[in-house]
């Protein structure tokens, strides 16, 4: 099950990047880092150009930030729909 959640997170990251104005992003262009705590997997960090996404598996949501650390939006991993957006 963990593998399918990770794959879902990857797909959500690609879809959200496209929605945030980064069309044609190939999975190989997104840098992915495993997040560990006490040698246990706790999530993933994704980076594409000036957008980064953080997914903590126990939170079941992926938070997107710009290069300056400003929050862009959060997307639920299970529902794959936006759960919040930063004010414009």
PDB file of N, CA and C in Angstrom:
ATOM      1  N   UNK A   1       0.823  -1.195   0.000  1.00  0.00           N
ATOM      2  CA  UNK A   1       0.000   0.000   0.000  1.00  0.00           C
ATOM      3  C   UNK A   1       0.865   1.256   0.000  1.00  0.00           C
ATOM      4  N   UNK A   2       1.959   1.268   0.743  1.00  0.00           N
ATOM      5  CA  UNK A   2       2.828   2.449   0.784  1.00  0.00           C
ATOM      6  C   UNK A   2       3.328   2.809  -0.610  1.00  0.00           C
ATOM      7  N   UNK A   3       3.689   1.820  -1.397  1.00  0.00           N
ATOM      8  CA  UNK A   3       4.164   2.081  -2.758  1.00  0.00           C
ATOM      9  C   UNK A   3       3.120   2.763  -3.614  1.00  0.00           C
ATOM     10  N   UNK A   4       1.858   2.376  -3.471  1.00  0.00           N
ATOM     11  CA  UNK A   4       0.798   3.007  -4.262  1.00  0.00           C
ATOM     12  C   UNK A   4       0.549   4.444  -3.794  1.00  0.00           C
ATOM     13  N   UNK A   5       0.718   4.717  -2.485  1.00  0.00           N
ATOM     14  CA  UNK A   5       0.567   6.090  -1.985  1.00  0.00           C
ATOM     15  C   UNK A   5       1.695   6.973  -2.513  1.00  0.00           C
ATOM     16  N   UNK A   6       2.893   6.424  -2.579  1.00  0.00           N
ATOM     17  CA  UNK A   6       4.019   7.189  -3.120  1.00  0.00           C
ATOM     18  C   UNK A   6       3.782   7.489  -4.594  1.00  0.00           C
ATOM     19  N   UNK A   7       3.311   6.504  -5.333  1.00  0.00           N
ATOM     20  CA  UNK A   7       3.031   6.724  -6.754  1.00  0.00           C
ATOM     21  C   UNK A   7       1.911   7.751  -6.928  1.00  0.00           C
ATOM     22  N   UNK A   8       0.889   7.686  -6.084  1.00  0.00           N
ATOM     23  CA  UNK A   8      -0.177   8.695  -6.130  1.00  0.00           C
ATOM     24  C   UNK A   8       0.391  10.082  -5.869  1.00  0.00           C
ATOM     25  N   UNK A   9       1.279  10.187  -4.889  1.00  0.00           N
ATOM     26  CA  UNK A   9       1.911  11.478  -4.579  1.00  0.00           C
ATOM     27  C   UNK A   9       2.678  12.001  -5.785  1.00  0.00           C
ATOM     28  N   UNK A  10       3.404  11.128  -6.460  1.00  0.00           N
ATOM     29  CA  UNK A  10       4.150  11.551  -7.658  1.00  0.00           C
ATOM     30  C   UNK A  10       3.219  12.085  -8.730  1.00  0.00           C
ATOM     31  N   UNK A  11       2.117  11.391  -8.971  1.00  0.00           N
ATOM     32  CA  UNK A  11       1.165  11.820  -9.994  1.00  0.00           C
ATOM     33  C   UNK A  11       0.515  13.156  -9.614  1.00  0.00           C
ATOM     34  N   UNK A  12       0.207  13.322  -8.335  1.00  0.00           N
ATOM     35  CA  UNK A  12      -0.383  14.577  -7.870  1.00  0.00           C
ATOM     36  C   UNK A  12       0.599  15.731  -8.054  1.00  0.00           C
ATOM     37  N   UNK A  13       1.865  15.479  -7.764  1.00  0.00           N
ATOM     38  CA  UNK A  13       2.879  16.520  -7.949  1.00  0.00           C
ATOM     39  C   UNK A  13       2.935  16.945  -9.410  1.00  0.00           C
ATOM     40  N   UNK A  14       2.971  15.992 -10.336  1.00  0.00           N
ATOM     41  CA  UNK A  14       3.019  16.328 -11.759  1.00  0.00           C
ATOM     42  C   UNK A  14       1.776  17.111 -12.188  1.00  0.00           C
ATOM     43  N   UNK A  15       0.597  16.669 -11.763  1.00  0.00           N
ATOM     44  CA  UNK A  15      -0.645  17.348 -12.133  1.00  0.00           C
ATOM     45  C   UNK A  15      -0.698  18.754 -11.542  1.00  0.00           C
ATOM     46  N   UNK A  16      -0.246  18.905 -10.311  1.00  0.00           N
ATOM     47  CA  UNK A  16      -0.284  20.217  -9.664  1.00  0.00           C
ATOM     48  C   UNK A  16       0.723  21.161 -10.283  1.00  0.00           C
ATOM     49  N   UNK A  17       1.890  20.647 -10.654  1.00  0.00           N
ATOM     50  CA  UNK A  17       2.866  21.485 -11.350  1.00  0.00           C
ATOM     51  C   UNK A  17       2.278  22.035 -12.644  1.00  0.00           C
ATOM     52  N   UNK A  18       1.554  21.197 -13.382  1.00  0.00           N
ATOM     53  CA  UNK A  18       0.919  21.653 -14.625  1.00  0.00           C
ATOM     54  C   UNK A  18      -0.111  22.741 -14.321  1.00  0.00           C
ATOM     55  N   UNK A  19      -0.902  22.542 -13.271  1.00  0.00           N
ATOM     56  CA  UNK A  19      -1.908  23.534 -12.897  1.00  0.00           C
ATOM     57  C   UNK A  19      -1.272  24.843 -12.436  1.00  0.00           C
ATOM     58  N   UNK A  20      -0.062  24.756 -11.878  1.00  0.00           N
ATOM     59  CA  UNK A  20       0.651  25.947 -11.418  1.00  0.00           C
ATOM     60  C   UNK A  20       1.467  26.617 -12.534  1.00  0.00           C
ATOM     61  N   UNK A  21       1.236  26.181 -13.770  1.00  0.00           N
ATOM     62  CA  UNK A  21       1.870  26.845 -14.908  1.00  0.00           C
ATOM     63  C   UNK A  21       3.157  26.213 -15.390  1.00  0.00           C
ATOM     64  N   UNK A  22       3.390  24.972 -15.046  1.00  0.00           N
ATOM     65  CA  UNK A  22       4.598  24.257 -15.479  1.00  0.00           C
ATOM     66  C   UNK A  22       4.200  23.098 -16.394  1.00  0.00           C
ATOM     67  N   UNK A  23       3.728  23.379 -17.610  1.00  0.00           N
ATOM     68  CA  UNK A  23       3.269  22.306 -18.499  1.00  0.00           C
ATOM     69  C   UNK A  23       4.415  21.439 -18.988  1.00  0.00           C
ATOM     70  N   UNK A  24       4.064  20.254 -19.404  1.00  0.00           N
ATOM     71  CA  UNK A  24       5.011  19.322 -20.013  1.00  0.00           C
ATOM     72  C   UNK A  24       6.148  18.903 -19.078  1.00  0.00           C
ATOM     73  N   UNK A  25       5.882  18.816 -17.784  1.00  0.00           N
ATOM     74  CA  UNK A  25       6.898  18.364 -16.847  1.00  0.00           C
ATOM     75  C   UNK A  25       6.972  16.853 -16.914  1.00  0.00           C
ATOM     76  N   UNK A  26       8.151  16.349 -17.172  1.00  0.00           N
ATOM     77  CA  UNK A  26       8.387  14.921 -17.203  1.00  0.00           C
ATOM     78  C   UNK A  26       8.800  14.468 -15.807  1.00  0.00           C
ATOM     79  N   UNK A  27       8.367  13.300 -15.418  1.00  0.00           N
ATOM     80  CA  UNK A  27       8.696  12.776 -14.087  1.00  0.00           C
ATOM     81  C   UNK A  27      10.199  12.781 -13.817  1.00  0.00           C
ATOM     82  N   UNK A  28      10.994  12.542 -14.839  1.00  0.00           N
ATOM     83  CA  UNK A  28      12.444  12.534 -14.684  1.00  0.00           C
ATOM     84  C   UNK A  28      13.040  13.905 -14.399  1.00  0.00           C
ATOM     85  N   UNK A  29      12.280  14.963 -14.641  1.00  0.00           N
ATOM     86  CA  UNK A  29      12.754  16.323 -14.383  1.00  0.00           C
ATOM     87  C   UNK A  29      12.526  16.760 -12.939  1.00  0.00           C
ATOM     88  N   UNK A  30      11.746  16.000 -12.201  1.00  0.00           N
ATOM     89  CA  UNK A  30      11.421  16.334 -10.817  1.00  0.00           C
ATOM     90  C   UNK A  30      12.384  15.595  -9.898  1.00  0.00           C
ATOM     91  N   UNK A  31      13.125  16.364  -9.114  1.00  0.00           N
ATOM     92  CA  UNK A  31      14.039  15.768  -8.148  1.00  0.00           C
ATOM     93  C   UNK A  31      13.229  15.298  -6.946  1.00  0.00           C
ATOM     94  N   UNK A  32      13.445  14.063  -6.544  1.00  0.00           N
ATOM     95  CA  UNK A  32      12.696  13.480  -5.438  1.00  0.00           C
ATOM     96  C   UNK A  32      13.658  13.023  -4.352  1.00  0.00           C
ATOM     97  N   UNK A  33      13.354  13.401  -3.120  1.00  0.00           N
ATOM     98  CA  UNK A  33      14.192  13.034  -1.980  1.00  0.00           C
ATOM     99  C   UNK A  33      13.324  12.345  -0.936  1.00  0.00           C
ATOM    100  N   UNK A  34      13.806  11.250  -0.402  1.00  0.00           N
ATOM    101  CA  UNK A  34      13.103  10.550   0.666  1.00  0.00           C
ATOM    102  C   UNK A  34      13.383  11.240   1.992  1.00  0.00           C
ATOM    103  N   UNK A  35      12.340  11.484   2.752  1.00  0.00           N
ATOM    104  CA  UNK A  35      12.480  12.098   4.074  1.00  0.00           C
ATOM    105  C   UNK A  35      12.458  11.001   5.130  1.00  0.00           C
ATOM    106  N   UNK A  36      13.463  11.014   5.990  1.00  0.00           N
ATOM    107  CA  UNK A  36      13.587  10.001   7.038  1.00  0.00           C
ATOM    108  C   UNK A  36      13.597  10.653   8.412  1.00  0.00           C
ATOM    109  N   UNK A  37      13.050   9.948   9.376  1.00  0.00           N
ATOM    110  CA  UNK A  37      13.145  10.335  10.785  1.00  0.00           C
ATOM    111  C   UNK A  37      13.452   9.053  11.551  1.00  0.00           C
ATOM    112  N   UNK A  38      14.543   9.053  12.272  1.00  0.00           N
ATOM    113  CA  UNK A  38      14.978   7.856  13.006  1.00  0.00           C
ATOM    114  C   UNK A  38      15.047   6.639  12.082  1.00  0.00           C
ATOM    115  N   UNK A  39      15.552   6.882  10.876  1.00  0.00           N
ATOM    116  CA  UNK A  39      15.749   5.843   9.848  1.00  0.00           C
ATOM    117  C   UNK A  39      14.452   5.245   9.304  1.00  0.00           C
ATOM    118  N   UNK A  40      13.335   5.904   9.576  1.00  0.00           N
ATOM    119  CA  UNK A  40      12.036   5.467   9.068  1.00  0.00           C
ATOM    120  C   UNK A  40      11.537   6.465   8.028  1.00  0.00           C
ATOM    121  N   UNK A  41      10.919   5.943   6.970  1.00  0.00           N
ATOM    122  CA  UNK A  41      10.359   6.795   5.916  1.00  0.00           C
ATOM    123  C   UNK A  41       9.198   7.600   6.486  1.00  0.00           C
ATOM    124  N   UNK A  42       9.245   8.929   6.308  1.00  0.00           N
ATOM    125  CA  UNK A  42       8.147   9.781   6.769  1.00  0.00           C
ATOM    126  C   UNK A  42       7.530  10.605   5.649  1.00  0.00           C
ATOM    127  N   UNK A  43       8.137  10.595   4.457  1.00  0.00           N
ATOM    128  CA  UNK A  43       7.568  11.353   3.354  1.00  0.00           C
ATOM    129  C   UNK A  43       8.551  11.572   2.226  1.00  0.00           C
ATOM    130  N   UNK A  44       8.201  12.530   1.372  1.00  0.00           N
ATOM    131  CA  UNK A  44       9.028  12.856   0.202  1.00  0.00           C
ATOM    132  C   UNK A  44       9.087  14.363   0.021  1.00  0.00           C
ATOM    133  N   UNK A  45      10.182  14.777  -0.593  1.00  0.00           N
ATOM    134  CA  UNK A  45      10.335  16.168  -1.008  1.00  0.00           C
ATOM    135  C   UNK A  45      10.535  16.138  -2.515  1.00  0.00           C
ATOM    136  N   UNK A  46       9.798  16.961  -3.220  1.00  0.00           N
ATOM    137  CA  UNK A  46       9.880  17.062  -4.667  1.00  0.00           C
ATOM    138  C   UNK A  46      10.326  18.472  -5.029  1.00  0.00           C
ATOM    139  N   UNK A  47      11.195  18.582  -6.031  1.00  0.00           N
ATOM    140  CA  UNK A  47      11.669  19.900  -6.472  1.00  0.00           C
ATOM    141  C   UNK A  47      11.647  19.943  -7.990  1.00  0.00           C
ATOM    142  N   UNK A  48      11.017  20.987  -8.523  1.00  0.00           N
ATOM    143  CA  UNK A  48      11.059  21.242  -9.962  1.00  0.00           C
ATOM    144  C   UNK A  48      11.244  22.739 -10.154  1.00  0.00           C
ATOM    145  N   UNK A  49      12.357  23.101 -10.720  1.00  0.00           N
ATOM    146  CA  UNK A  49      12.713  24.500 -10.925  1.00  0.00           C
ATOM    147  C   UNK A  49      12.486  25.279  -9.628  1.00  0.00           C
ATOM    148  N   UNK A  50      11.547  26.229  -9.620  1.00  0.00           N
ATOM    149  CA  UNK A  50      11.368  27.082  -8.437  1.00  0.00           C
ATOM    150  C   UNK A  50      10.179  26.668  -7.568  1.00  0.00           C
ATOM    151  N   UNK A  51       9.658  25.484  -7.820  1.00  0.00           N
ATOM    152  CA  UNK A  51       8.542  24.993  -7.014  1.00  0.00           C
ATOM    153  C   UNK A  51       8.983  23.731  -6.289  1.00  0.00           C
ATOM    154  N   UNK A  52       8.660  23.680  -4.992  1.00  0.00           N
ATOM    155  CA  UNK A  52       8.955  22.458  -4.254  1.00  0.00           C
ATOM    156  C   UNK A  52       7.685  22.002  -3.545  1.00  0.00           C
ATOM    157  N   UNK A  53       7.624  20.717  -3.325  1.00  0.00           N
ATOM    158  CA  UNK A  53       6.475  20.113  -2.667  1.00  0.00           C
ATOM    159  C   UNK A  53       6.988  19.192  -1.566  1.00  0.00           C
ATOM    160  N   UNK A  54       6.279  19.213  -0.451  1.00  0.00           N
ATOM    161  CA  UNK A  54       6.631  18.374   0.681  1.00  0.00           C
ATOM    162  C   UNK A  54       5.429  17.497   1.007  1.00  0.00           C
ATOM    163  N   UNK A  55       5.680  16.201   1.126  1.00  0.00           N
ATOM    164  CA  UNK A  55       4.629  15.263   1.503  1.00  0.00           C
ATOM    165  C   UNK A  55       5.086  14.481   2.723  1.00  0.00           C
ATOM    166  N   UNK A  56       4.395  14.701   3.833  1.00  0.00           N
ATOM    167  CA  UNK A  56       4.598  13.882   5.018  1.00  0.00           C
ATOM    168  C   UNK A  56       3.495  12.838   4.994  1.00  0.00           C
ATOM    169  N   UNK A  57       3.884  11.574   4.902  1.00  0.00           N
ATOM    170  CA  UNK A  57       2.925  10.491   4.695  1.00  0.00           C
ATOM    171  C   UNK A  57       1.831  10.444   5.754  1.00  0.00           C
ATOM    172  N   UNK A  58       2.152  10.789   6.984  1.00  0.00           N
ATOM    173  CA  UNK A  58       1.136  10.728   8.035  1.00  0.00           C
ATOM    174  C   UNK A  58       0.145  11.890   7.960  1.00  0.00           C
ATOM    175  N   UNK A  59       0.429  12.903   7.172  1.00  0.00           N
ATOM    176  CA  UNK A  59      -0.485  14.031   7.007  1.00  0.00           C
ATOM    177  C   UNK A  59      -1.396  13.860   5.799  1.00  0.00           C
ATOM    178  N   UNK A  60      -1.058  12.966   4.887  1.00  0.00           N
ATOM    179  CA  UNK A  60      -1.873  12.648   3.718  1.00  0.00           C
ATOM    180  C   UNK A  60      -2.161  13.856   2.827  1.00  0.00           C
ATOM    181  N   UNK A  61      -1.250  14.833   2.812  1.00  0.00           N
ATOM    182  CA  UNK A  61      -1.398  15.984   1.931  1.00  0.00           C
ATOM    183  C   UNK A  61      -0.019  16.426   1.456  1.00  0.00           C
ATOM    184  N   UNK A  62       0.007  17.025   0.289  1.00  0.00           N
ATOM    185  CA  UNK A  62       1.250  17.552  -0.274  1.00  0.00           C
ATOM    186  C   UNK A  62       1.135  19.072  -0.275  1.00  0.00           C
ATOM    187  N   UNK A  63       2.109  19.733   0.339  1.00  0.00           N
ATOM    188  CA  UNK A  63       2.128  21.196   0.390  1.00  0.00           C
ATOM    189  C   UNK A  63       3.114  21.704  -0.659  1.00  0.00           C
ATOM    190  N   UNK A  64       2.698  22.694  -1.429  1.00  0.00           N
ATOM    191  CA  UNK A  64       3.511  23.277  -2.489  1.00  0.00           C
ATOM    192  C   UNK A  64       3.961  24.672  -2.089  1.00  0.00           C
ATOM    193  N   UNK A  65       5.236  24.978  -2.371  1.00  0.00           N
ATOM    194  CA  UNK A  65       5.851  26.249  -2.015  1.00  0.00           C
ATOM    195  C   UNK A  65       6.647  26.785  -3.192  1.00  0.00           C
ATOM    196  N   UNK A  66       6.761  28.117  -3.277  1.00  0.00           N
ATOM    197  CA  UNK A  66       7.633  28.690  -4.301  1.00  0.00           C
ATOM    198  C   UNK A  66       9.066  28.727  -3.771  1.00  0.00           C
ATOM    199  N   UNK A  67       9.968  29.250  -4.585  1.00  0.00           N
ATOM    200  CA  UNK A  67      11.391  29.264  -4.245  1.00  0.00           C
ATOM    201  C   UNK A  67      11.703  30.103  -3.007  1.00  0.00           C
ATOM    202  N   UNK A  68      10.826  31.054  -2.686  1.00  0.00           N
ATOM    203  CA  UNK A  68      11.023  31.898  -1.507  1.00  0.00           C
ATOM    204  C   UNK A  68      10.380  31.310  -0.257  1.00  0.00           C
ATOM    205  N   UNK A  69       9.762  30.130  -0.388  1.00  0.00           N
ATOM    206  CA  UNK A  69       9.117  29.494   0.752  1.00  0.00           C
ATOM    207  C   UNK A  69       7.677  29.898   0.967  1.00  0.00           C
ATOM    208  N   UNK A  70       7.120  30.666   0.025  1.00  0.00           N
ATOM    209  CA  UNK A  70       5.720  31.077   0.130  1.00  0.00           C
ATOM    210  C   UNK A  70       4.805  29.908  -0.211  1.00  0.00           C
ATOM    211  N   UNK A  71       3.807  29.689   0.634  1.00  0.00           N
ATOM    212  CA  UNK A  71       2.840  28.619   0.427  1.00  0.00           C
ATOM    213  C   UNK A  71       2.027  28.886  -0.832  1.00  0.00           C
ATOM    214  N   UNK A  72       1.882  27.870  -1.688  1.00  0.00           N
ATOM    215  CA  UNK A  72       1.077  27.999  -2.900  1.00  0.00           C
ATOM    216  C   UNK A  72      -0.265  27.295  -2.742  1.00  0.00           C
ATOM    217  N   UNK A  73      -0.227  26.026  -2.355  1.00  0.00           N
ATOM    218  CA  UNK A  73      -1.449  25.277  -2.121  1.00  0.00           C
ATOM    219  C   UNK A  73      -1.127  23.935  -1.495  1.00  0.00           C
ATOM    220  N   UNK A  74      -2.164  23.275  -1.016  1.00  0.00           N
ATOM    221  CA  UNK A  74      -2.038  21.946  -0.437  1.00  0.00           C
ATOM    222  C   UNK A  74      -3.024  21.037  -1.146  1.00  0.00           C
ATOM    223  N   UNK A  75      -2.598  19.821  -1.472  1.00  0.00           N
ATOM    224  CA  UNK A  75      -3.447  18.875  -2.180  1.00  0.00           C
ATOM    225  C   UNK A  75      -3.491  17.576  -1.379  1.00  0.00           C
ATOM    226  N   UNK A  76      -4.689  17.097  -1.086  1.00  0.00           N
ATOM    227  CA  UNK A  76      -4.848  15.835  -0.372  1.00  0.00           C
ATOM    228  C   UNK A  76      -4.390  14.686  -1.261  1.00  0.00           C
ATOM    229  N   UNK A  77      -3.625  13.787  -0.701  1.00  0.00           N
ATOM    230  CA  UNK A  77      -3.106  12.660  -1.481  1.00  0.00           C
ATOM    231  C   UNK A  77      -4.226  11.713  -1.872  1.00  0.00           C
ATOM    232  N   UNK A  78      -5.147  11.436  -0.974  1.00  0.00           N
ATOM    233  CA  UNK A  78      -6.212  10.477  -1.267  1.00  0.00           C
ATOM    234  C   UNK A  78      -7.273  11.030  -2.210  1.00  0.00           C
ATOM    235  N   UNK A  79      -7.614  12.301  -2.057  1.00  0.00           N
ATOM    236  CA  UNK A  79      -8.653  12.885  -2.895  1.00  0.00           C
ATOM    237  C   UNK A  79      -8.117  13.548  -4.153  1.00  0.00           C
ATOM    238  N   UNK A  80      -6.842  13.940  -4.147  1.00  0.00           N
ATOM    239  CA  UNK A  80      -6.216  14.624  -5.280  1.00  0.00           C
ATOM    240  C   UNK A  80      -6.960  15.887  -5.669  1.00  0.00           C
ATOM    241  N   UNK A  81      -7.464  16.617  -4.644  1.00  0.00           N
ATOM    242  CA  UNK A  81      -8.112  17.884  -4.910  1.00  0.00           C
ATOM    243  C   UNK A  81      -7.541  18.938  -3.979  1.00  0.00           C
ATOM    244  N   UNK A  82      -7.494  20.197  -4.399  1.00  0.00           N
ATOM    245  CA  UNK A  82      -6.920  21.231  -3.556  1.00  0.00           C
ATOM    246  C   UNK A  82      -7.645  21.346  -2.215  1.00  0.00           C
ATOM    247  N   UNK A  83      -6.875  21.456  -1.133  1.00  0.00           N
ATOM    248  CA  UNK A  83      -7.463  21.624   0.189  1.00  0.00           C
ATOM    249  C   UNK A  83      -7.281  23.031   0.686  1.00  0.00           C
ATOM    250  N   UNK A  84      -6.547  23.834  -0.042  1.00  0.00           N
ATOM    251  CA  UNK A  84      -6.365  25.227   0.351  1.00  0.00           C
ATOM    252  C   UNK A  84      -5.443  25.925  -0.617  1.00  0.00           C
ATOM    253  N   UNK A  85      -5.613  27.214  -0.725  1.00  0.00           N
ATOM    254  CA  UNK A  85      -4.741  27.990  -1.589  1.00  0.00           C
ATOM    255  C   UNK A  85      -4.366  29.267  -0.881  1.00  0.00           C
ATOM    256  N   UNK A  86      -3.185  29.741  -1.192  1.00  0.00           N
ATOM    257  CA  UNK A  86      -2.732  30.999  -0.608  1.00  0.00           C
ATOM    258  C   UNK A  86      -3.562  32.138  -1.184  1.00  0.00           C
ATOM    259  N   UNK A  87      -3.756  33.158  -0.391  1.00  0.00           N
ATOM    260  CA  UNK A  87      -4.492  34.337  -0.858  1.00  0.00           C
ATOM    261  C   UNK A  87      -3.676  35.067  -1.910  1.00  0.00           C
ATOM    262  N   UNK A  88      -4.344  35.596  -2.896  1.00  0.00           N
ATOM    263  CA  UNK A  88      -3.654  36.303  -3.977  1.00  0.00           C
ATOM    264  C   UNK A  88      -3.319  37.715  -3.573  1.00  0.00           C
TER     265      UNK A  88
END
